[in-house]
Amino acid sequence: MLFPFEAESDVPGERQVTWMTQLALALSYIHLSRVFHRDIKAENVLLSEHGQIKLVDFGMAAVFESSAASMAQSKKGTPFYFSPEKADGVGGYDSKSDMWAAGCILVEIGTGERLLRPIHSDRPEVRQQREARIEGVGRTTGSALLEEVARGLLQFDPKQRLSGNGMLFLLQAPAAPAGRGQHAAAEAEARLSEEAAEEERAGKEADTPGRCAPAPGHAWALVCP
């Protein structure tokens, strides 16, 4: 079953937090492995009958050998979910482009309405539409936490945008005061860099218990606990 904002018109905020936490785990895992999905969208995030999120369709994914060469240039993917830097096509983009797309998914399931047009422009009218969708997440779900996560994911500047770990940091600390999105992103980015450097030195694969792992018999699906 597809990520079911179309199947259920009134999904409880608590369930959406669970879904987005699982998606954050999947994104953190692949980005730590230097994989950019490049086509994150609702149709590629599946919900199993047991309530597990599966991130699928890695046909457009890119793998980078090192963090020093980690900027993609190709405009592969679905335009409605393009990040500002990917749509711009000037300086390249990295894993934070996947995070923007995750924010688009969140505003879709959080409001129960699909995006009818891209929201990556910095034009005043598009900024207003983007902010309205973000505020709509909190209003519809009754969750200030989900609204803050949406705002952190849809930061126009990729340096200020939540990483997979930053998203996870917020979602697993629901009692944290509002307005910590950028601070959480910076803190999680530092942790992510330290983990990546440590694993590179040790020459180990990123298969720490508790992270997402490839689903048995399905090379392109990630199953999150």
N, C-alpha and C. Protein backbone atom coordinates (compact mmCIF):
# COMPACT_ATOMS: atom_id res chain seq x y z
N MET A 1 0.86 -1.20 0.00
CA MET A 1 0.00 0.00 0.00
C MET A 1 0.88 1.24 0.00
N LEU A 2 0.53 2.22 -0.80
CA LEU A 2 1.29 3.46 -0.84
C LEU A 2 1.14 4.22 0.46
N PHE A 3 2.11 5.07 0.73
CA PHE A 3 2.07 5.95 1.89
C PHE A 3 0.70 6.61 1.90
N PRO A 4 -0.17 6.30 2.87
CA PRO A 4 -1.61 6.41 2.63
C PRO A 4 -2.28 7.71 3.06
N PHE A 5 -1.75 8.86 2.63
CA PHE A 5 -2.55 10.05 2.90
C PHE A 5 -3.80 10.03 2.01
N GLU A 6 -3.76 9.23 0.93
CA GLU A 6 -4.95 9.11 0.08
C GLU A 6 -5.93 8.07 0.63
N ALA A 7 -5.38 7.10 1.40
CA ALA A 7 -6.23 6.03 1.91
C ALA A 7 -6.96 6.42 3.18
N GLU A 8 -6.35 7.34 3.94
CA GLU A 8 -6.96 7.76 5.20
C GLU A 8 -6.96 9.28 5.25
N SER A 9 -8.10 9.87 5.43
CA SER A 9 -8.19 11.32 5.41
C SER A 9 -7.87 11.94 6.76
N ASP A 10 -7.87 11.15 7.81
CA ASP A 10 -7.65 11.69 9.15
C ASP A 10 -6.68 10.78 9.91
N VAL A 11 -5.39 10.89 9.59
CA VAL A 11 -4.37 10.06 10.22
C VAL A 11 -3.91 10.75 11.50
N PRO A 12 -3.99 10.08 12.65
CA PRO A 12 -3.58 10.70 13.92
C PRO A 12 -2.13 11.20 13.87
N GLY A 13 -1.88 12.32 14.53
CA GLY A 13 -0.54 12.89 14.54
C GLY A 13 0.49 11.93 15.09
N GLU A 14 0.12 11.15 16.12
CA GLU A 14 1.06 10.20 16.71
C GLU A 14 1.52 9.16 15.69
N ARG A 15 0.60 8.72 14.84
CA ARG A 15 0.97 7.74 13.82
C ARG A 15 1.88 8.38 12.78
N GLN A 16 1.62 9.63 12.45
CA GLN A 16 2.47 10.32 11.49
C GLN A 16 3.88 10.50 12.05
N VAL A 17 3.99 10.76 13.35
CA VAL A 17 5.31 10.86 13.98
C VAL A 17 6.05 9.54 13.82
N THR A 18 5.36 8.42 14.03
CA THR A 18 5.98 7.10 13.87
C THR A 18 6.44 6.89 12.43
N TRP A 19 5.59 7.22 11.47
CA TRP A 19 5.97 7.07 10.06
C TRP A 19 7.20 7.91 9.73
N MET A 20 7.18 9.18 10.14
CA MET A 20 8.29 10.06 9.79
C MET A 20 9.57 9.68 10.51
N THR A 21 9.44 9.10 11.71
CA THR A 21 10.63 8.61 12.42
C THR A 21 11.26 7.46 11.64
N GLN A 22 10.43 6.56 11.13
CA GLN A 22 10.95 5.45 10.34
C GLN A 22 11.58 5.95 9.05
N LEU A 23 10.95 6.94 8.41
CA LEU A 23 11.54 7.51 7.20
C LEU A 23 12.87 8.19 7.51
N ALA A 24 12.96 8.87 8.64
CA ALA A 24 14.21 9.51 9.05
C ALA A 24 15.31 8.48 9.25
N LEU A 25 14.96 7.33 9.84
CA LEU A 25 15.93 6.26 10.02
C LEU A 25 16.45 5.76 8.68
N ALA A 26 15.55 5.57 7.72
CA ALA A 26 15.96 5.10 6.40
C ALA A 26 16.88 6.12 5.73
N LEU A 27 16.51 7.39 5.78
CA LEU A 27 17.31 8.42 5.13
C LEU A 27 18.66 8.57 5.80
N SER A 28 18.68 8.52 7.12
CA SER A 28 19.95 8.60 7.84
C SER A 28 20.87 7.45 7.43
N TYR A 29 20.30 6.26 7.30
CA TYR A 29 21.08 5.07 6.94
C TYR A 29 21.70 5.20 5.56
N ILE A 30 20.88 5.56 4.56
CA ILE A 30 21.43 5.62 3.20
C ILE A 30 22.41 6.78 3.04
N HIS A 31 22.15 7.90 3.71
CA HIS A 31 23.06 9.04 3.58
C HIS A 31 24.39 8.76 4.28
N LEU A 32 24.34 8.04 5.39
CA LEU A 32 25.58 7.65 6.05
C LEU A 32 26.38 6.72 5.14
N SER A 33 25.69 5.98 4.29
CA SER A 33 26.34 5.09 3.33
C SER A 33 26.68 5.81 2.03
N ARG A 34 26.51 7.16 2.02
CA ARG A 34 26.81 8.02 0.87
C ARG A 34 25.97 7.67 -0.35
N VAL A 35 24.72 7.34 -0.10
CA VAL A 35 23.76 7.09 -1.16
C VAL A 35 22.73 8.22 -1.15
N PHE A 36 22.51 8.85 -2.31
CA PHE A 36 21.43 9.81 -2.46
C PHE A 36 20.31 9.12 -3.23
N HIS A 37 19.13 9.13 -2.69
CA HIS A 37 18.01 8.46 -3.36
C HIS A 37 17.62 9.18 -4.64
N ARG A 38 17.45 10.50 -4.56
CA ARG A 38 17.17 11.40 -5.68
C ARG A 38 15.75 11.31 -6.25
N ASP A 39 14.91 10.45 -5.70
CA ASP A 39 13.51 10.44 -6.13
C ASP A 39 12.60 10.13 -4.95
N ILE A 40 12.86 10.80 -3.82
CA ILE A 40 11.99 10.67 -2.65
C ILE A 40 10.65 11.31 -2.98
N LYS A 41 9.60 10.54 -2.87
CA LYS A 41 8.24 11.04 -3.09
C LYS A 41 7.28 10.06 -2.43
N ALA A 42 6.03 10.47 -2.29
CA ALA A 42 5.06 9.64 -1.56
C ALA A 42 4.93 8.25 -2.17
N GLU A 43 5.00 8.15 -3.50
CA GLU A 43 4.84 6.86 -4.17
C GLU A 43 5.99 5.90 -3.89
N ASN A 44 7.13 6.42 -3.43
CA ASN A 44 8.28 5.57 -3.14
C ASN A 44 8.47 5.31 -1.65
N VAL A 45 7.48 5.68 -0.86
CA VAL A 45 7.48 5.37 0.57
C VAL A 45 6.25 4.53 0.84
N LEU A 46 6.48 3.25 1.06
CA LEU A 46 5.38 2.31 1.20
C LEU A 46 5.11 1.98 2.66
N LEU A 47 3.88 1.62 2.93
CA LEU A 47 3.48 1.23 4.28
C LEU A 47 3.02 -0.22 4.25
N SER A 48 3.70 -1.09 5.00
CA SER A 48 3.35 -2.50 5.01
C SER A 48 2.09 -2.73 5.84
N GLU A 49 1.56 -3.93 5.74
CA GLU A 49 0.36 -4.26 6.51
C GLU A 49 0.66 -4.31 8.01
N HIS A 50 1.95 -4.37 8.36
CA HIS A 50 2.35 -4.37 9.77
C HIS A 50 2.72 -2.97 10.26
N GLY A 51 2.50 -1.96 9.42
CA GLY A 51 2.77 -0.59 9.83
C GLY A 51 4.21 -0.17 9.69
N GLN A 52 5.01 -0.91 8.91
CA GLN A 52 6.40 -0.55 8.69
C GLN A 52 6.54 0.28 7.42
N ILE A 53 7.37 1.31 7.51
CA ILE A 53 7.68 2.13 6.35
C ILE A 53 8.80 1.47 5.56
N LYS A 54 8.64 1.43 4.24
CA LYS A 54 9.69 0.93 3.36
C LYS A 54 10.01 1.97 2.30
N LEU A 55 11.26 2.34 2.22
CA LEU A 55 11.73 3.27 1.19
C LEU A 55 12.18 2.44 0.00
N VAL A 56 11.56 2.68 -1.17
CA VAL A 56 11.80 1.80 -2.32
C VAL A 56 12.20 2.61 -3.56
N ASP A 57 12.49 1.88 -4.64
CA ASP A 57 12.82 2.41 -5.96
C ASP A 57 14.09 3.27 -5.92
N PHE A 58 15.22 2.58 -5.90
CA PHE A 58 16.51 3.25 -5.91
C PHE A 58 17.07 3.35 -7.33
N GLY A 59 16.20 3.31 -8.34
CA GLY A 59 16.64 3.33 -9.72
C GLY A 59 17.38 4.59 -10.12
N MET A 60 17.13 5.71 -9.43
CA MET A 60 17.81 6.98 -9.74
C MET A 60 18.87 7.33 -8.70
N ALA A 61 19.13 6.41 -7.78
CA ALA A 61 20.06 6.70 -6.69
C ALA A 61 21.48 6.88 -7.21
N ALA A 62 22.25 7.68 -6.49
CA ALA A 62 23.66 7.89 -6.81
C ALA A 62 24.48 7.52 -5.58
N VAL A 63 25.62 6.87 -5.82
CA VAL A 63 26.52 6.47 -4.74
C VAL A 63 27.82 7.22 -4.91
N PHE A 64 28.30 7.85 -3.84
CA PHE A 64 29.53 8.62 -3.89
C PHE A 64 30.59 7.93 -3.05
N GLU A 65 31.80 7.87 -3.58
CA GLU A 65 32.88 7.15 -2.92
C GLU A 65 33.38 7.86 -1.68
N SER A 66 33.28 9.18 -1.65
CA SER A 66 33.79 9.93 -0.51
C SER A 66 32.96 11.18 -0.30
N SER A 67 33.04 11.74 0.89
CA SER A 67 32.30 12.97 1.18
C SER A 67 32.89 14.16 0.46
N ALA A 68 34.13 14.03 -0.02
CA ALA A 68 34.77 15.14 -0.72
C ALA A 68 34.16 15.35 -2.11
N ALA A 69 33.59 14.28 -2.69
CA ALA A 69 32.97 14.39 -4.00
C ALA A 69 31.52 13.94 -3.88
N SER A 70 30.72 14.80 -3.28
CA SER A 70 29.36 14.37 -2.95
C SER A 70 28.30 15.34 -3.43
N MET A 71 28.54 15.99 -4.57
CA MET A 71 27.56 16.89 -5.14
C MET A 71 27.05 16.31 -6.46
N ALA A 72 25.75 16.12 -6.56
CA ALA A 72 25.15 15.62 -7.79
C ALA A 72 24.72 16.79 -8.66
N GLN A 73 24.64 16.56 -9.96
CA GLN A 73 24.28 17.61 -10.90
C GLN A 73 23.00 17.30 -11.68
N SER A 74 22.75 16.02 -11.94
CA SER A 74 21.62 15.62 -12.78
C SER A 74 20.29 15.99 -12.13
N LYS A 75 19.34 16.39 -12.97
CA LYS A 75 18.00 16.73 -12.48
C LYS A 75 17.07 15.53 -12.55
N LYS A 76 17.56 14.37 -12.12
CA LYS A 76 16.71 13.19 -12.08
C LYS A 76 15.75 13.31 -10.91
N GLY A 77 14.56 12.73 -11.06
CA GLY A 77 13.59 12.76 -9.97
C GLY A 77 12.26 13.32 -10.42
N THR A 78 11.43 13.68 -9.44
CA THR A 78 10.08 14.18 -9.69
C THR A 78 10.04 15.67 -9.36
N PRO A 79 9.79 16.54 -10.35
CA PRO A 79 9.91 18.00 -10.16
C PRO A 79 9.16 18.56 -8.96
N PHE A 80 7.98 18.03 -8.62
CA PHE A 80 7.22 18.57 -7.50
C PHE A 80 8.00 18.44 -6.19
N TYR A 81 8.94 17.49 -6.13
CA TYR A 81 9.70 17.24 -4.91
C TYR A 81 11.13 17.78 -5.00
N PHE A 82 11.44 18.52 -6.05
CA PHE A 82 12.79 19.08 -6.20
C PHE A 82 13.06 20.10 -5.10
N SER A 83 14.27 20.07 -4.58
CA SER A 83 14.73 21.10 -3.64
C SER A 83 15.09 22.36 -4.43
N PRO A 84 15.20 23.50 -3.77
CA PRO A 84 15.58 24.73 -4.48
C PRO A 84 16.90 24.59 -5.23
N GLU A 85 17.90 23.98 -4.59
CA GLU A 85 19.22 23.88 -5.23
C GLU A 85 19.19 22.89 -6.40
N LYS A 86 18.36 21.87 -6.32
CA LYS A 86 18.24 20.91 -7.43
C LYS A 86 17.50 21.55 -8.59
N ALA A 87 16.45 22.30 -8.30
CA ALA A 87 15.69 22.97 -9.35
C ALA A 87 16.53 24.04 -10.03
N ASP A 88 17.39 24.70 -9.24
CA ASP A 88 18.24 25.77 -9.76
C ASP A 88 19.26 25.23 -10.76
N GLY A 89 19.85 24.08 -10.42
CA GLY A 89 20.77 23.41 -11.33
C GLY A 89 22.10 24.09 -11.54
N VAL A 90 22.49 25.00 -10.65
CA VAL A 90 23.73 25.75 -10.84
C VAL A 90 24.88 25.13 -10.06
N GLY A 91 24.73 24.96 -8.75
CA GLY A 91 25.85 24.53 -7.93
C GLY A 91 25.82 23.08 -7.50
N GLY A 92 24.88 22.30 -8.01
CA GLY A 92 24.79 20.91 -7.59
C GLY A 92 23.99 20.77 -6.30
N TYR A 93 23.80 19.53 -5.86
CA TYR A 93 23.02 19.26 -4.66
C TYR A 93 23.55 18.00 -4.00
N ASP A 94 23.17 17.83 -2.72
CA ASP A 94 23.65 16.66 -1.99
C ASP A 94 22.47 15.99 -1.28
N SER A 95 22.75 15.27 -0.20
CA SER A 95 21.70 14.52 0.49
C SER A 95 20.61 15.42 1.07
N LYS A 96 20.91 16.70 1.28
CA LYS A 96 19.89 17.59 1.82
C LYS A 96 18.73 17.77 0.84
N SER A 97 18.97 17.44 -0.44
CA SER A 97 17.88 17.50 -1.42
C SER A 97 16.86 16.41 -1.13
N ASP A 98 17.32 15.23 -0.70
CA ASP A 98 16.40 14.17 -0.27
C ASP A 98 15.57 14.63 0.92
N MET A 99 16.19 15.41 1.81
CA MET A 99 15.49 15.86 3.01
C MET A 99 14.38 16.86 2.66
N TRP A 100 14.64 17.72 1.69
CA TRP A 100 13.58 18.63 1.23
C TRP A 100 12.38 17.82 0.73
N ALA A 101 12.66 16.77 -0.06
CA ALA A 101 11.57 15.93 -0.57
C ALA A 101 10.80 15.27 0.56
N ALA A 102 11.51 14.88 1.63
CA ALA A 102 10.83 14.32 2.80
C ALA A 102 9.91 15.35 3.43
N GLY A 103 10.32 16.61 3.41
CA GLY A 103 9.46 17.69 3.91
C GLY A 103 8.21 17.84 3.06
N CYS A 104 8.36 17.66 1.75
CA CYS A 104 7.18 17.72 0.86
C CYS A 104 6.21 16.60 1.20
N ILE A 105 6.74 15.41 1.47
CA ILE A 105 5.87 14.29 1.85
C ILE A 105 5.15 14.61 3.16
N LEU A 106 5.88 15.19 4.10
CA LEU A 106 5.27 15.51 5.40
C LEU A 106 4.14 16.51 5.25
N VAL A 107 4.31 17.54 4.43
CA VAL A 107 3.21 18.51 4.29
C VAL A 107 2.04 17.91 3.53
N GLU A 108 2.31 16.88 2.73
CA GLU A 108 1.20 16.21 2.05
C GLU A 108 0.39 15.35 3.03
N ILE A 109 1.07 14.47 3.76
CA ILE A 109 0.31 13.62 4.68
C ILE A 109 -0.20 14.41 5.87
N GLY A 110 0.54 15.46 6.25
CA GLY A 110 0.14 16.25 7.41
C GLY A 110 -1.11 17.08 7.18
N THR A 111 -1.33 17.46 5.92
CA THR A 111 -2.53 18.25 5.59
C THR A 111 -3.58 17.42 4.87
N GLY A 112 -3.19 16.20 4.41
CA GLY A 112 -4.11 15.37 3.66
C GLY A 112 -4.33 15.84 2.24
N GLU A 113 -3.44 16.72 1.75
CA GLU A 113 -3.60 17.26 0.40
C GLU A 113 -2.29 17.13 -0.36
N ARG A 114 -2.37 16.66 -1.59
CA ARG A 114 -1.19 16.54 -2.43
C ARG A 114 -0.72 17.91 -2.88
N LEU A 115 0.57 18.00 -3.15
CA LEU A 115 1.10 19.22 -3.74
C LEU A 115 0.59 19.35 -5.17
N LEU A 116 0.08 20.50 -5.51
CA LEU A 116 -0.43 20.74 -6.85
C LEU A 116 0.58 21.45 -7.71
N ARG A 117 1.64 21.97 -7.08
CA ARG A 117 2.71 22.64 -7.80
C ARG A 117 3.96 22.61 -6.93
N PRO A 118 5.14 22.75 -7.52
CA PRO A 118 6.38 22.77 -6.72
C PRO A 118 6.37 23.94 -5.74
N ILE A 119 7.06 23.75 -4.61
CA ILE A 119 7.13 24.82 -3.61
C ILE A 119 8.58 25.23 -3.35
N HIS A 120 9.45 25.01 -4.35
CA HIS A 120 10.88 25.27 -4.12
C HIS A 120 11.33 26.67 -4.53
N SER A 121 10.45 27.47 -5.10
CA SER A 121 10.85 28.82 -5.51
C SER A 121 10.96 29.74 -4.30
N ASP A 122 11.81 30.78 -4.44
CA ASP A 122 11.94 31.78 -3.37
C ASP A 122 11.11 33.02 -3.67
N ARG A 123 10.23 32.94 -4.66
CA ARG A 123 9.34 34.06 -4.94
C ARG A 123 8.40 34.26 -3.76
N PRO A 124 8.05 35.51 -3.44
CA PRO A 124 7.21 35.78 -2.26
C PRO A 124 5.93 34.97 -2.21
N GLU A 125 5.25 34.82 -3.35
CA GLU A 125 3.98 34.09 -3.34
C GLU A 125 4.19 32.60 -3.05
N VAL A 126 5.33 32.06 -3.51
CA VAL A 126 5.61 30.64 -3.24
C VAL A 126 6.05 30.46 -1.79
N ARG A 127 6.83 31.40 -1.27
CA ARG A 127 7.20 31.35 0.15
C ARG A 127 5.95 31.35 1.02
N GLN A 128 4.98 32.17 0.63
CA GLN A 128 3.73 32.24 1.39
C GLN A 128 2.97 30.91 1.32
N GLN A 129 2.93 30.31 0.13
CA GLN A 129 2.27 29.01 -0.02
C GLN A 129 2.98 27.94 0.81
N ARG A 130 4.30 27.98 0.80
CA ARG A 130 5.09 26.99 1.54
C ARG A 130 4.83 27.12 3.04
N GLU A 131 4.82 28.34 3.53
CA GLU A 131 4.57 28.57 4.94
C GLU A 131 3.15 28.15 5.32
N ALA A 132 2.20 28.39 4.42
CA ALA A 132 0.81 27.99 4.70
C ALA A 132 0.71 26.47 4.81
N ARG A 133 1.44 25.74 3.96
CA ARG A 133 1.41 24.29 4.03
C ARG A 133 2.06 23.80 5.32
N ILE A 134 3.16 24.44 5.72
CA ILE A 134 3.85 24.05 6.96
C ILE A 134 2.93 24.27 8.17
N GLU A 135 2.31 25.46 8.23
CA GLU A 135 1.39 25.75 9.33
C GLU A 135 0.19 24.82 9.29
N GLY A 136 -0.19 24.40 8.09
CA GLY A 136 -1.32 23.48 7.95
C GLY A 136 -1.05 22.13 8.57
N VAL A 137 0.23 21.72 8.60
CA VAL A 137 0.59 20.45 9.24
C VAL A 137 0.24 20.50 10.72
N GLY A 138 0.65 21.58 11.40
CA GLY A 138 0.35 21.70 12.82
C GLY A 138 -1.13 21.84 13.10
N ARG A 139 -1.81 22.59 12.23
CA ARG A 139 -3.24 22.82 12.44
C ARG A 139 -4.05 21.54 12.21
N THR A 140 -3.69 20.78 11.19
CA THR A 140 -4.46 19.58 10.85
C THR A 140 -4.19 18.43 11.80
N THR A 141 -2.91 18.26 12.16
CA THR A 141 -2.54 17.12 13.01
C THR A 141 -2.62 17.44 14.49
N GLY A 142 -2.63 18.74 14.83
CA GLY A 142 -2.59 19.13 16.24
C GLY A 142 -1.22 18.90 16.85
N SER A 143 -0.19 18.76 16.00
CA SER A 143 1.17 18.46 16.48
C SER A 143 2.12 19.60 16.14
N ALA A 144 2.54 20.33 17.18
CA ALA A 144 3.56 21.37 16.98
C ALA A 144 4.88 20.75 16.57
N LEU A 145 5.13 19.51 17.02
CA LEU A 145 6.36 18.81 16.68
C LEU A 145 6.44 18.56 15.18
N LEU A 146 5.37 18.04 14.58
CA LEU A 146 5.38 17.78 13.15
C LEU A 146 5.52 19.07 12.35
N GLU A 147 4.90 20.14 12.82
CA GLU A 147 5.05 21.42 12.14
C GLU A 147 6.50 21.89 12.18
N GLU A 148 7.16 21.72 13.33
CA GLU A 148 8.56 22.13 13.43
C GLU A 148 9.46 21.29 12.54
N VAL A 149 9.18 19.99 12.47
CA VAL A 149 9.97 19.12 11.59
C VAL A 149 9.77 19.54 10.14
N ALA A 150 8.54 19.81 9.75
CA ALA A 150 8.27 20.27 8.38
C ALA A 150 9.03 21.55 8.08
N ARG A 151 9.05 22.47 9.03
CA ARG A 151 9.76 23.73 8.81
C ARG A 151 11.27 23.49 8.70
N GLY A 152 11.79 22.57 9.51
CA GLY A 152 13.21 22.27 9.45
C GLY A 152 13.61 21.60 8.14
N LEU A 153 12.72 20.78 7.59
CA LEU A 153 13.01 20.08 6.35
C LEU A 153 12.88 21.00 5.14
N LEU A 154 12.02 22.00 5.23
CA LEU A 154 11.77 22.88 4.10
C LEU A 154 12.49 24.22 4.23
N GLN A 155 13.64 24.19 4.89
CA GLN A 155 14.51 25.36 4.92
C GLN A 155 15.07 25.59 3.52
N PHE A 156 14.96 26.81 3.03
CA PHE A 156 15.41 27.12 1.67
C PHE A 156 16.91 26.90 1.53
N ASP A 157 17.67 27.29 2.55
CA ASP A 157 19.12 27.11 2.55
C ASP A 157 19.44 25.69 2.98
N PRO A 158 20.08 24.87 2.14
CA PRO A 158 20.35 23.47 2.52
C PRO A 158 21.25 23.35 3.75
N LYS A 159 22.07 24.36 4.02
CA LYS A 159 22.93 24.32 5.21
C LYS A 159 22.12 24.41 6.49
N GLN A 160 20.94 25.02 6.42
CA GLN A 160 20.07 25.16 7.58
C GLN A 160 19.01 24.05 7.65
N ARG A 161 18.96 23.21 6.64
CA ARG A 161 17.93 22.17 6.55
C ARG A 161 18.31 20.97 7.42
N LEU A 162 17.30 20.31 7.96
CA LEU A 162 17.54 19.12 8.77
C LEU A 162 18.15 18.00 7.94
N SER A 163 19.10 17.30 8.52
CA SER A 163 19.61 16.06 7.95
C SER A 163 18.72 14.92 8.42
N GLY A 164 19.02 13.70 7.98
CA GLY A 164 18.28 12.55 8.48
C GLY A 164 18.42 12.42 9.98
N ASN A 165 19.65 12.62 10.48
CA ASN A 165 19.87 12.55 11.92
C ASN A 165 19.20 13.71 12.66
N GLY A 166 19.21 14.89 12.05
CA GLY A 166 18.55 16.04 12.67
C GLY A 166 17.05 15.84 12.77
N MET A 167 16.48 15.27 11.72
CA MET A 167 15.05 14.95 11.73
C MET A 167 14.74 13.93 12.82
N LEU A 168 15.59 12.93 12.91
CA LEU A 168 15.42 11.89 13.92
C LEU A 168 15.57 12.48 15.32
N PHE A 169 16.51 13.38 15.49
CA PHE A 169 16.77 14.03 16.77
C PHE A 169 15.51 14.73 17.27
N LEU A 170 14.85 15.47 16.38
CA LEU A 170 13.63 16.18 16.78
C LEU A 170 12.48 15.23 17.07
N LEU A 171 12.30 14.24 16.21
CA LEU A 171 11.17 13.34 16.35
C LEU A 171 11.26 12.46 17.59
N GLN A 172 12.49 12.20 18.05
CA GLN A 172 12.66 11.36 19.23
C GLN A 172 12.77 12.18 20.51
N ALA A 173 12.65 13.50 20.39
CA ALA A 173 12.68 14.36 21.56
C ALA A 173 11.47 15.29 21.54
N PRO A 174 10.25 14.72 21.58
CA PRO A 174 9.03 15.52 21.44
C PRO A 174 8.81 16.53 22.55
N ALA A 175 9.50 16.36 23.68
CA ALA A 175 9.32 17.30 24.78
C ALA A 175 10.21 18.52 24.64
N ALA A 176 11.08 18.52 23.63
CA ALA A 176 12.00 19.65 23.45
C ALA A 176 11.22 20.90 23.11
N PRO A 177 11.68 22.08 23.57
CA PRO A 177 10.98 23.32 23.28
C PRO A 177 10.97 23.63 21.80
N ALA A 178 9.94 24.33 21.36
CA ALA A 178 9.83 24.69 19.95
C ALA A 178 10.96 25.62 19.55
N GLY A 179 11.26 25.63 18.25
CA GLY A 179 12.28 26.53 17.75
C GLY A 179 13.68 25.98 17.77
N ARG A 180 13.85 24.65 18.00
CA ARG A 180 15.17 24.08 18.07
C ARG A 180 15.61 23.45 16.75
N GLY A 181 14.82 23.63 15.69
CA GLY A 181 15.09 22.94 14.44
C GLY A 181 16.49 23.13 13.91
N GLN A 182 16.96 24.37 13.79
CA GLN A 182 18.27 24.61 13.23
C GLN A 182 19.36 24.15 14.18
N HIS A 183 19.18 24.36 15.48
CA HIS A 183 20.16 23.89 16.46
C HIS A 183 20.27 22.37 16.41
N ALA A 184 19.13 21.70 16.32
CA ALA A 184 19.14 20.23 16.26
C ALA A 184 19.83 19.75 15.00
N ALA A 185 19.60 20.45 13.90
CA ALA A 185 20.24 20.06 12.65
C ALA A 185 21.75 20.15 12.76
N ALA A 186 22.25 21.25 13.32
CA ALA A 186 23.70 21.41 13.46
C ALA A 186 24.29 20.35 14.38
N GLU A 187 23.60 20.09 15.48
CA GLU A 187 24.09 19.09 16.44
C GLU A 187 24.11 17.71 15.81
N ALA A 188 23.05 17.37 15.08
CA ALA A 188 22.99 16.05 14.46
C ALA A 188 23.99 15.92 13.33
N GLU A 189 24.22 17.00 12.58
CA GLU A 189 25.21 16.96 11.50
C GLU A 189 26.59 16.65 12.06
N ALA A 190 26.91 17.24 13.22
CA ALA A 190 28.21 16.99 13.83
C ALA A 190 28.33 15.52 14.22
N ARG A 191 27.25 14.97 14.78
CA ARG A 191 27.26 13.55 15.15
C ARG A 191 27.40 12.67 13.92
N LEU A 192 26.70 13.04 12.84
CA LEU A 192 26.76 12.25 11.61
C LEU A 192 28.17 12.24 11.04
N SER A 193 28.84 13.40 11.04
CA SER A 193 30.20 13.49 10.52
C SER A 193 31.15 12.64 11.35
N GLU A 194 30.98 12.68 12.66
CA GLU A 194 31.84 11.88 13.53
C GLU A 194 31.64 10.39 13.28
N GLU A 195 30.36 9.97 13.12
CA GLU A 195 30.08 8.55 12.87
C GLU A 195 30.66 8.11 11.53
N ALA A 196 30.51 8.96 10.51
CA ALA A 196 31.00 8.60 9.18
C ALA A 196 32.53 8.47 9.20
N ALA A 197 33.20 9.40 9.88
CA ALA A 197 34.65 9.35 9.95
C ALA A 197 35.12 8.12 10.70
N GLU A 198 34.43 7.80 11.78
CA GLU A 198 34.80 6.63 12.58
C GLU A 198 34.62 5.35 11.79
N GLU A 199 33.49 5.24 11.07
CA GLU A 199 33.24 4.02 10.30
C GLU A 199 34.21 3.90 9.14
N GLU A 200 34.60 5.03 8.55
CA GLU A 200 35.55 4.99 7.45
C GLU A 200 36.92 4.52 7.95
N ARG A 201 37.31 5.00 9.13
CA ARG A 201 38.59 4.57 9.69
C ARG A 201 38.56 3.09 10.04
N ALA A 202 37.45 2.64 10.54
CA ALA A 202 37.35 1.24 10.95
C ALA A 202 37.09 0.31 9.77
N GLY A 203 36.64 0.87 8.63
CA GLY A 203 36.37 0.06 7.46
C GLY A 203 35.17 -0.85 7.61
N LYS A 204 34.22 -0.41 8.45
CA LYS A 204 33.05 -1.22 8.69
C LYS A 204 31.87 -0.71 7.90
N GLU A 205 30.95 -1.61 7.59
CA GLU A 205 29.71 -1.21 6.95
C GLU A 205 28.76 -0.66 8.00
N ALA A 206 27.87 0.26 7.56
CA ALA A 206 26.93 0.88 8.49
C ALA A 206 25.75 -0.05 8.73
N ASP A 207 25.94 -0.99 9.67
CA ASP A 207 24.85 -1.92 9.97
C ASP A 207 24.61 -2.00 11.47
N THR A 208 24.77 -0.86 12.15
CA THR A 208 24.57 -0.81 13.58
C THR A 208 23.16 -1.22 13.95
N PRO A 209 22.96 -2.07 14.95
CA PRO A 209 21.60 -2.45 15.37
C PRO A 209 20.77 -1.22 15.71
N GLY A 210 19.53 -1.25 15.29
CA GLY A 210 18.64 -0.13 15.57
C GLY A 210 18.47 0.76 14.36
N ARG A 211 19.42 0.67 13.39
CA ARG A 211 19.26 1.42 12.17
C ARG A 211 18.43 0.60 11.19
N CYS A 212 18.04 1.25 10.08
CA CYS A 212 17.35 0.51 9.05
C CYS A 212 18.32 -0.48 8.43
N ALA A 213 17.79 -1.57 7.91
CA ALA A 213 18.62 -2.57 7.25
C ALA A 213 17.90 -3.05 6.00
N PRO A 214 18.67 -3.52 4.99
CA PRO A 214 18.02 -4.01 3.78
C PRO A 214 17.04 -5.13 4.10
N ALA A 215 15.88 -5.07 3.49
CA ALA A 215 14.85 -6.08 3.74
C ALA A 215 15.27 -7.40 3.10
N PRO A 216 15.08 -8.52 3.79
CA PRO A 216 15.42 -9.83 3.22
C PRO A 216 14.68 -10.05 1.91
N GLY A 217 15.44 -10.44 0.88
CA GLY A 217 14.84 -10.76 -0.39
C GLY A 217 14.41 -9.55 -1.21
N HIS A 218 14.74 -8.34 -0.77
CA HIS A 218 14.34 -7.14 -1.50
C HIS A 218 15.48 -6.15 -1.39
N ALA A 219 16.34 -6.13 -2.39
CA ALA A 219 17.57 -5.36 -2.32
C ALA A 219 17.32 -3.86 -2.24
N TRP A 220 16.14 -3.42 -2.69
CA TRP A 220 15.91 -1.98 -2.75
C TRP A 220 14.98 -1.48 -1.66
N ALA A 221 14.62 -2.32 -0.71
CA ALA A 221 13.72 -1.88 0.37
C ALA A 221 14.50 -1.79 1.67
N LEU A 222 14.20 -0.77 2.44
CA LEU A 222 14.79 -0.63 3.76
C LEU A 222 13.69 -0.79 4.79
N VAL A 223 13.89 -1.63 5.76
CA VAL A 223 12.91 -1.87 6.81
C VAL A 223 13.41 -1.23 8.08
N CYS A 224 12.56 -0.45 8.72
CA CYS A 224 12.93 0.25 9.94
C CYS A 224 12.23 -0.39 11.13
N PRO A 225 12.93 -0.49 12.27
CA PRO A 225 12.29 -1.07 13.46
C PRO A 225 11.21 -0.17 14.00
